[in-house]
Amino acid sequence: VEETRRARYDLARRYVELIIKYGHKARV
């Protein structure tokens, strides 16, 4: 969210991809 507010969409997109990856990996 912080990076999105700073208009750094590539970094924000990467963080969201990691969120999805961690959720799948840990089954959370």
PDB file of all heavy atoms in Angstrom:
ATOM      1  N   VAL A   1       0.838  -1.200   0.000  1.00  0.00           N
ATOM      2  CA  VAL A   1       0.000   0.000   0.000  1.00  0.00           C
ATOM      3  C   VAL A   1       0.876   1.256   0.000  1.00  0.00           C
ATOM      4  O   VAL A   1       0.609   2.215  -0.736  1.00  0.00           O
ATOM      5  CB  VAL A   1      -0.968  -0.012   1.200  1.00  0.00           C
ATOM      6  CG1 VAL A   1      -1.658   1.326   1.372  1.00  0.00           C
ATOM      7  CG2 VAL A   1      -1.999  -1.120   1.035  1.00  0.00           C
ATOM      8  N   GLU A   2       1.934   1.251   0.798  1.00  0.00           N
ATOM      9  CA  GLU A   2       2.852   2.401   0.822  1.00  0.00           C
ATOM     10  C   GLU A   2       3.472   2.646  -0.550  1.00  0.00           C
ATOM     11  O   GLU A   2       3.543   3.790  -1.014  1.00  0.00           O
ATOM     12  CB  GLU A   2       3.973   2.176   1.842  1.00  0.00           C
ATOM     13  CG  GLU A   2       3.571   2.336   3.275  1.00  0.00           C
ATOM     14  CD  GLU A   2       4.725   2.026   4.226  1.00  0.00           C
ATOM     15  OE1 GLU A   2       5.898   2.136   3.792  1.00  0.00           O
ATOM     16  OE2 GLU A   2       4.444   1.677   5.375  1.00  0.00           O
ATOM     17  N   GLU A   3       3.924   1.589  -1.199  1.00  0.00           N
ATOM     18  CA  GLU A   3       4.571   1.731  -2.508  1.00  0.00           C
ATOM     19  C   GLU A   3       3.559   2.166  -3.571  1.00  0.00           C
ATOM     20  O   GLU A   3       3.912   2.895  -4.495  1.00  0.00           O
ATOM     21  CB  GLU A   3       5.261   0.423  -2.924  1.00  0.00           C
ATOM     22  CG  GLU A   3       6.404   0.029  -2.027  1.00  0.00           C
ATOM     23  CD  GLU A   3       7.485   1.091  -1.900  1.00  0.00           C
ATOM     24  OE1 GLU A   3       7.732   1.838  -2.870  1.00  0.00           O
ATOM     25  OE2 GLU A   3       8.096   1.178  -0.821  1.00  0.00           O
ATOM     26  N   THR A   4       2.319   1.747  -3.437  1.00  0.00           N
ATOM     27  CA  THR A   4       1.293   2.180  -4.378  1.00  0.00           C
ATOM     28  C   THR A   4       1.052   3.676  -4.236  1.00  0.00           C
ATOM     29  O   THR A   4       0.897   4.393  -5.228  1.00  0.00           O
ATOM     30  CB  THR A   4      -0.017   1.409  -4.139  1.00  0.00           C
ATOM     31  OG1 THR A   4       0.239   0.011  -4.268  1.00  0.00           O
ATOM     32  CG2 THR A   4      -1.078   1.806  -5.142  1.00  0.00           C
ATOM     33  N   ARG A   5       1.031   4.164  -2.997  1.00  0.00           N
ATOM     34  CA  ARG A   5       0.844   5.604  -2.777  1.00  0.00           C
ATOM     35  C   ARG A   5       2.005   6.417  -3.333  1.00  0.00           C
ATOM     36  O   ARG A   5       1.832   7.574  -3.694  1.00  0.00           O
ATOM     37  CB  ARG A   5       0.677   5.882  -1.284  1.00  0.00           C
ATOM     38  CG  ARG A   5      -0.660   5.415  -0.770  1.00  0.00           C
ATOM     39  CD  ARG A   5      -1.030   6.073   0.537  1.00  0.00           C
ATOM     40  NE  ARG A   5      -2.416   5.736   0.854  1.00  0.00           N
ATOM     41  CZ  ARG A   5      -2.784   4.999   1.877  1.00  0.00           C
ATOM     42  NH1 ARG A   5      -1.880   4.532   2.716  1.00  0.00           N
ATOM     43  NH2 ARG A   5      -4.056   4.741   2.093  1.00  0.00           N
ATOM     44  N   ARG A   6       3.192   5.813  -3.401  1.00  0.00           N
ATOM     45  CA  ARG A   6       4.363   6.496  -3.967  1.00  0.00           C
ATOM     46  C   ARG A   6       4.454   6.291  -5.481  1.00  0.00           C
ATOM     47  O   ARG A   6       5.457   6.669  -6.089  1.00  0.00           O
ATOM     48  CB  ARG A   6       5.636   5.972  -3.317  1.00  0.00           C
ATOM     49  CG  ARG A   6       5.756   6.325  -1.864  1.00  0.00           C
ATOM     50  CD  ARG A   6       7.046   5.774  -1.304  1.00  0.00           C
ATOM     51  NE  ARG A   6       7.105   6.000   0.125  1.00  0.00           N
ATOM     52  CZ  ARG A   6       7.733   5.208   0.970  1.00  0.00           C
ATOM     53  NH1 ARG A   6       8.370   4.134   0.537  1.00  0.00           N
ATOM     54  NH2 ARG A   6       7.741   5.480   2.260  1.00  0.00           N
ATOM     55  N   ALA A   7       3.466   5.633  -6.063  1.00  0.00           N
ATOM     56  CA  ALA A   7       3.394   5.346  -7.513  1.00  0.00           C
ATOM     57  C   ALA A   7       4.496   4.403  -7.977  1.00  0.00           C
ATOM     58  O   ALA A   7       4.925   4.453  -9.127  1.00  0.00           O
ATOM     59  CB  ALA A   7       3.407   6.631  -8.327  1.00  0.00           C
ATOM     60  N   ARG A   8       4.953   3.529  -7.107  1.00  0.00           N
ATOM     61  CA  ARG A   8       5.913   2.486  -7.487  1.00  0.00           C
ATOM     62  C   ARG A   8       5.134   1.184  -7.666  1.00  0.00           C
ATOM     63  O   ARG A   8       5.153   0.293  -6.816  1.00  0.00           O
ATOM     64  CB  ARG A   8       6.968   2.316  -6.401  1.00  0.00           C
ATOM     65  CG  ARG A   8       7.824   3.538  -6.196  1.00  0.00           C
ATOM     66  CD  ARG A   8       8.855   3.238  -5.134  1.00  0.00           C
ATOM     67  NE  ARG A   8       9.531   4.443  -4.695  1.00  0.00           N
ATOM     68  CZ  ARG A   8      10.215   4.513  -3.581  1.00  0.00           C
ATOM     69  NH1 ARG A   8      10.315   3.472  -2.780  1.00  0.00           N
ATOM     70  NH2 ARG A   8      10.816   5.632  -3.249  1.00  0.00           N
ATOM     71  N   TYR A   9       4.455   1.085  -8.793  1.00  0.00           N
ATOM     72  CA  TYR A   9       3.531  -0.032  -9.003  1.00  0.00           C
ATOM     73  C   TYR A   9       4.246  -1.370  -9.181  1.00  0.00           C
ATOM     74  O   TYR A   9       3.704  -2.415  -8.808  1.00  0.00           O
ATOM     75  CB  TYR A   9       2.631   0.252 -10.201  1.00  0.00           C
ATOM     76  CG  TYR A   9       1.731   1.449  -9.990  1.00  0.00           C
ATOM     77  CD1 TYR A   9       1.674   2.476 -10.911  1.00  0.00           C
ATOM     78  CD2 TYR A   9       0.946   1.556  -8.848  1.00  0.00           C
ATOM     79  CE1 TYR A   9       0.849   3.573 -10.714  1.00  0.00           C
ATOM     80  CE2 TYR A   9       0.130   2.647  -8.637  1.00  0.00           C
ATOM     81  CZ  TYR A   9       0.090   3.651  -9.575  1.00  0.00           C
ATOM     82  OH  TYR A   9      -0.718   4.718  -9.368  1.00  0.00           O
ATOM     83  N   ASP A  10       5.452  -1.367  -9.748  1.00  0.00           N
ATOM     84  CA  ASP A  10       6.170  -2.629  -9.944  1.00  0.00           C
ATOM     85  C   ASP A  10       6.510  -3.284  -8.608  1.00  0.00           C
ATOM     86  O   ASP A  10       6.335  -4.495  -8.432  1.00  0.00           O
ATOM     87  CB  ASP A  10       7.453  -2.407 -10.742  1.00  0.00           C
ATOM     88  CG  ASP A  10       7.163  -1.991 -12.173  1.00  0.00           C
ATOM     89  OD1 ASP A  10       6.057  -2.292 -12.651  1.00  0.00           O
ATOM     90  OD2 ASP A  10       8.047  -1.373 -12.795  1.00  0.00           O
ATOM     91  N   LEU A  11       6.972  -2.473  -7.654  1.00  0.00           N
ATOM     92  CA  LEU A  11       7.329  -2.998  -6.338  1.00  0.00           C
ATOM     93  C   LEU A  11       6.069  -3.449  -5.583  1.00  0.00           C
ATOM     94  O   LEU A  11       6.069  -4.507  -4.945  1.00  0.00           O
ATOM     95  CB  LEU A  11       8.081  -1.932  -5.550  1.00  0.00           C
ATOM     96  CG  LEU A  11       8.901  -2.380  -4.358  1.00  0.00           C
ATOM     97  CD1 LEU A  11       9.851  -3.499  -4.736  1.00  0.00           C
ATOM     98  CD2 LEU A  11       9.670  -1.211  -3.783  1.00  0.00           C
ATOM     99  N   ALA A  12       5.005  -2.677  -5.676  1.00  0.00           N
ATOM    100  CA  ALA A  12       3.744  -3.046  -5.017  1.00  0.00           C
ATOM    101  C   ALA A  12       3.201  -4.350  -5.595  1.00  0.00           C
ATOM    102  O   ALA A  12       2.725  -5.221  -4.853  1.00  0.00           O
ATOM    103  CB  ALA A  12       2.718  -1.930  -5.188  1.00  0.00           C
ATOM    104  N   ARG A  13       3.308  -4.500  -6.901  1.00  0.00           N
ATOM    105  CA  ARG A  13       2.837  -5.732  -7.557  1.00  0.00           C
ATOM    106  C   ARG A  13       3.647  -6.937  -7.070  1.00  0.00           C
ATOM    107  O   ARG A  13       3.100  -8.005  -6.800  1.00  0.00           O
ATOM    108  CB  ARG A  13       2.976  -5.565  -9.070  1.00  0.00           C
ATOM    109  CG  ARG A  13       2.406  -6.692  -9.862  1.00  0.00           C
ATOM    110  CD  ARG A  13       2.427  -6.395 -11.350  1.00  0.00           C
ATOM    111  NE  ARG A  13       1.388  -5.426 -11.665  1.00  0.00           N
ATOM    112  CZ  ARG A  13       1.613  -4.245 -12.236  1.00  0.00           C
ATOM    113  NH1 ARG A  13       2.828  -3.880 -12.554  1.00  0.00           N
ATOM    114  NH2 ARG A  13       0.615  -3.434 -12.507  1.00  0.00           N
ATOM    115  N   ARG A  14       4.948  -6.744  -6.905  1.00  0.00           N
ATOM    116  CA  ARG A  14       5.801  -7.834  -6.420  1.00  0.00           C
ATOM    117  C   ARG A  14       5.421  -8.240  -5.001  1.00  0.00           C
ATOM    118  O   ARG A  14       5.390  -9.421  -4.668  1.00  0.00           O
ATOM    119  CB  ARG A  14       7.273  -7.398  -6.483  1.00  0.00           C
ATOM    120  CG  ARG A  14       8.248  -8.411  -5.944  1.00  0.00           C
ATOM    121  CD  ARG A  14       8.282  -9.666  -6.769  1.00  0.00           C
ATOM    122  NE  ARG A  14       9.217 -10.604  -6.187  1.00  0.00           N
ATOM    123  CZ  ARG A  14       9.055 -11.915  -6.204  1.00  0.00           C
ATOM    124  NH1 ARG A  14       8.031 -12.459  -6.810  1.00  0.00           N
ATOM    125  NH2 ARG A  14       9.937 -12.698  -5.638  1.00  0.00           N
ATOM    126  N   TYR A  15       5.130  -7.247  -4.151  1.00  0.00           N
ATOM    127  CA  TYR A  15       4.720  -7.551  -2.779  1.00  0.00           C
ATOM    128  C   TYR A  15       3.427  -8.357  -2.754  1.00  0.00           C
ATOM    129  O   TYR A  15       3.290  -9.307  -1.982  1.00  0.00           O
ATOM    130  CB  TYR A  15       4.549  -6.267  -1.968  1.00  0.00           C
ATOM    131  CG  TYR A  15       5.840  -5.563  -1.634  1.00  0.00           C
ATOM    132  CD1 TYR A  15       5.875  -4.183  -1.506  1.00  0.00           C
ATOM    133  CD2 TYR A  15       7.024  -6.253  -1.441  1.00  0.00           C
ATOM    134  CE1 TYR A  15       7.059  -3.516  -1.190  1.00  0.00           C
ATOM    135  CE2 TYR A  15       8.204  -5.609  -1.131  1.00  0.00           C
ATOM    136  CZ  TYR A  15       8.211  -4.244  -1.004  1.00  0.00           C
ATOM    137  OH  TYR A  15       9.378  -3.603  -0.693  1.00  0.00           O
ATOM    138  N   VAL A  16       2.476  -7.996  -3.608  1.00  0.00           N
ATOM    139  CA  VAL A  16       1.206  -8.740  -3.645  1.00  0.00           C
ATOM    140  C   VAL A  16       1.440 -10.160  -4.158  1.00  0.00           C
ATOM    141  O   VAL A  16       0.847 -11.121  -3.659  1.00  0.00           O
ATOM    142  CB  VAL A  16       0.156  -7.994  -4.489  1.00  0.00           C
ATOM    143  CG1 VAL A  16      -1.084  -8.849  -4.686  1.00  0.00           C
ATOM    144  CG2 VAL A  16      -0.217  -6.676  -3.817  1.00  0.00           C
ATOM    145  N   GLU A  17       2.314 -10.313  -5.131  1.00  0.00           N
ATOM    146  CA  GLU A  17       2.639 -11.664  -5.619  1.00  0.00           C
ATOM    147  C   GLU A  17       3.252 -12.506  -4.500  1.00  0.00           C
ATOM    148  O   GLU A  17       2.964 -13.705  -4.379  1.00  0.00           O
ATOM    149  CB  GLU A  17       3.577 -11.585  -6.815  1.00  0.00           C
ATOM    150  CG  GLU A  17       2.896 -11.083  -8.069  1.00  0.00           C
ATOM    151  CD  GLU A  17       3.863 -10.772  -9.197  1.00  0.00           C
ATOM    152  OE1 GLU A  17       5.100 -10.879  -8.993  1.00  0.00           O
ATOM    153  OE2 GLU A  17       3.380 -10.402 -10.274  1.00  0.00           O
ATOM    154  N   LEU A  18       4.106 -11.881  -3.669  1.00  0.00           N
ATOM    155  CA  LEU A  18       4.685 -12.612  -2.535  1.00  0.00           C
ATOM    156  C   LEU A  18       3.621 -12.986  -1.509  1.00  0.00           C
ATOM    157  O   LEU A  18       3.683 -14.068  -0.912  1.00  0.00           O
ATOM    158  CB  LEU A  18       5.788 -11.777  -1.878  1.00  0.00           C
ATOM    159  CG  LEU A  18       7.101 -11.673  -2.637  1.00  0.00           C
ATOM    160  CD1 LEU A  18       8.023 -10.679  -1.953  1.00  0.00           C
ATOM    161  CD2 LEU A  18       7.758 -13.032  -2.734  1.00  0.00           C
ATOM    162  N   ILE A  19       2.649 -12.103  -1.306  1.00  0.00           N
ATOM    163  CA  ILE A  19       1.540 -12.410  -0.384  1.00  0.00           C
ATOM    164  C   ILE A  19       0.814 -13.662  -0.851  1.00  0.00           C
ATOM    165  O   ILE A  19       0.547 -14.576  -0.062  1.00  0.00           O
ATOM    166  CB  ILE A  19       0.565 -11.216  -0.308  1.00  0.00           C
ATOM    167  CG1 ILE A  19       1.191 -10.071   0.478  1.00  0.00           C
ATOM    168  CG2 ILE A  19      -0.768 -11.635   0.309  1.00  0.00           C
ATOM    169  CD1 ILE A  19       0.406  -8.781   0.402  1.00  0.00           C
ATOM    170  N   ILE A  20       0.515 -13.722  -2.134  1.00  0.00           N
ATOM    171  CA  ILE A  20      -0.191 -14.889  -2.688  1.00  0.00           C
ATOM    172  C   ILE A  20       0.665 -16.142  -2.549  1.00  0.00           C
ATOM    173  O   ILE A  20       0.180 -17.212  -2.158  1.00  0.00           O
ATOM    174  CB  ILE A  20      -0.563 -14.619  -4.159  1.00  0.00           C
ATOM    175  CG1 ILE A  20      -1.560 -13.462  -4.237  1.00  0.00           C
ATOM    176  CG2 ILE A  20      -1.134 -15.864  -4.813  1.00  0.00           C
ATOM    177  CD1 ILE A  20      -1.747 -12.904  -5.630  1.00  0.00           C
ATOM    178  N   LYS A  21       1.955 -15.999  -2.832  1.00  0.00           N
ATOM    179  CA  LYS A  21       2.879 -17.140  -2.745  1.00  0.00           C
ATOM    180  C   LYS A  21       2.979 -17.668  -1.310  1.00  0.00           C
ATOM    181  O   LYS A  21       2.910 -18.877  -1.080  1.00  0.00           O
ATOM    182  CB  LYS A  21       4.248 -16.697  -3.248  1.00  0.00           C
ATOM    183  CG  LYS A  21       5.270 -17.780  -3.346  1.00  0.00           C
ATOM    184  CD  LYS A  21       6.559 -17.209  -3.924  1.00  0.00           C
ATOM    185  CE  LYS A  21       7.667 -18.213  -3.898  1.00  0.00           C
ATOM    186  NZ  LYS A  21       8.924 -17.630  -4.381  1.00  0.00           N
ATOM    187  N   TYR A  22       3.125 -16.750  -0.331  1.00  0.00           N
ATOM    188  CA  TYR A  22       3.202 -17.178   1.074  1.00  0.00           C
ATOM    189  C   TYR A  22       1.910 -17.855   1.520  1.00  0.00           C
ATOM    190  O   TYR A  22       1.929 -18.828   2.267  1.00  0.00           O
ATOM    191  CB  TYR A  22       3.489 -15.990   1.998  1.00  0.00           C
ATOM    192  CG  TYR A  22       4.919 -15.545   2.021  1.00  0.00           C
ATOM    193  CD1 TYR A  22       5.232 -14.189   2.126  1.00  0.00           C
ATOM    194  CD2 TYR A  22       5.967 -16.440   1.948  1.00  0.00           C
ATOM    195  CE1 TYR A  22       6.547 -13.757   2.153  1.00  0.00           C
ATOM    196  CE2 TYR A  22       7.278 -16.019   1.968  1.00  0.00           C
ATOM    197  CZ  TYR A  22       7.560 -14.684   2.079  1.00  0.00           C
ATOM    198  OH  TYR A  22       8.855 -14.259   2.100  1.00  0.00           O
ATOM    199  N   GLY A  23       0.794 -17.329   1.066  1.00  0.00           N
ATOM    200  CA  GLY A  23      -0.491 -17.929   1.435  1.00  0.00           C
ATOM    201  C   GLY A  23      -0.631 -19.352   0.927  1.00  0.00           C
ATOM    202  O   GLY A  23      -1.076 -20.241   1.653  1.00  0.00           O
ATOM    203  N   HIS A  24      -0.230 -19.574  -0.328  1.00  0.00           N
ATOM    204  CA  HIS A  24      -0.304 -20.922  -0.893  1.00  0.00           C
ATOM    205  C   HIS A  24       0.673 -21.873  -0.205  1.00  0.00           C
ATOM    206  O   HIS A  24       0.332 -23.010   0.113  1.00  0.00           O
ATOM    207  CB  HIS A  24      -0.015 -20.899  -2.391  1.00  0.00           C
ATOM    208  CG  HIS A  24      -1.125 -20.340  -3.209  1.00  0.00           C
ATOM    209  ND1 HIS A  24      -2.403 -20.837  -3.198  1.00  0.00           N
ATOM    210  CD2 HIS A  24      -1.153 -19.292  -4.069  1.00  0.00           C
ATOM    211  CE1 HIS A  24      -3.170 -20.149  -4.003  1.00  0.00           C
ATOM    212  NE2 HIS A  24      -2.433 -19.188  -4.544  1.00  0.00           N
ATOM    213  N   LYS A  25       1.879 -21.372   0.003  1.00  0.00           N
ATOM    214  CA  LYS A  25       2.925 -22.228   0.569  1.00  0.00           C
ATOM    215  C   LYS A  25       2.586 -22.690   1.988  1.00  0.00           C
ATOM    216  O   LYS A  25       2.767 -23.857   2.326  1.00  0.00           O
ATOM    217  CB  LYS A  25       4.253 -21.447   0.577  1.00  0.00           C
ATOM    218  CG  LYS A  25       5.444 -22.241   0.965  1.00  0.00           C
ATOM    219  CD  LYS A  25       5.993 -22.981  -0.206  1.00  0.00           C
ATOM    220  CE  LYS A  25       7.309 -23.632   0.166  1.00  0.00           C
ATOM    221  NZ  LYS A  25       7.800 -24.496  -0.889  1.00  0.00           N
ATOM    222  N   ALA A  26       2.065 -21.768   2.801  1.00  0.00           N
ATOM    223  CA  ALA A  26       1.767 -22.102   4.195  1.00  0.00           C
ATOM    224  C   ALA A  26       0.334 -22.591   4.380  1.00  0.00           C
ATOM    225  O   ALA A  26      -0.060 -22.902   5.497  1.00  0.00           O
ATOM    226  CB  ALA A  26       2.004 -20.879   5.076  1.00  0.00           C
ATOM    227  N   ARG A  27      -0.430 -22.635   3.287  1.00  0.00           N
ATOM    228  CA  ARG A  27      -1.846 -23.023   3.345  1.00  0.00           C
ATOM    229  C   ARG A  27      -2.613 -22.137   4.326  1.00  0.00           C
ATOM    230  O   ARG A  27      -3.333 -22.622   5.203  1.00  0.00           O
ATOM    231  CB  ARG A  27      -2.007 -24.486   3.715  1.00  0.00           C
ATOM    232  CG  ARG A  27      -1.484 -25.413   2.669  1.00  0.00           C
ATOM    233  CD  ARG A  27      -1.750 -26.839   3.052  1.00  0.00           C
ATOM    234  NE  ARG A  27      -1.202 -27.737   2.059  1.00  0.00           N
ATOM    235  CZ  ARG A  27      -1.221 -29.034   2.178  1.00  0.00           C
ATOM    236  NH1 ARG A  27      -1.757 -29.594   3.232  1.00  0.00           N
ATOM    237  NH2 ARG A  27      -0.711 -29.795   1.239  1.00  0.00           N
ATOM    238  N   VAL A  28      -2.409 -20.836   4.173  1.00  0.00           N
ATOM    239  CA  VAL A  28      -3.036 -19.841   5.040  1.00  0.00           C
ATOM    240  C   VAL A  28      -3.914 -18.952   4.185  1.00  0.00           C
ATOM    241  O   VAL A  28      -3.522 -18.542   3.092  1.00  0.00           O
ATOM    242  CB  VAL A  28      -1.959 -18.973   5.742  1.00  0.00           C
ATOM    243  CG1 VAL A  28      -2.583 -17.811   6.472  1.00  0.00           C
ATOM    244  CG2 VAL A  28      -1.145 -19.810   6.694  1.00  0.00           C
TER     245      VAL A  28
END
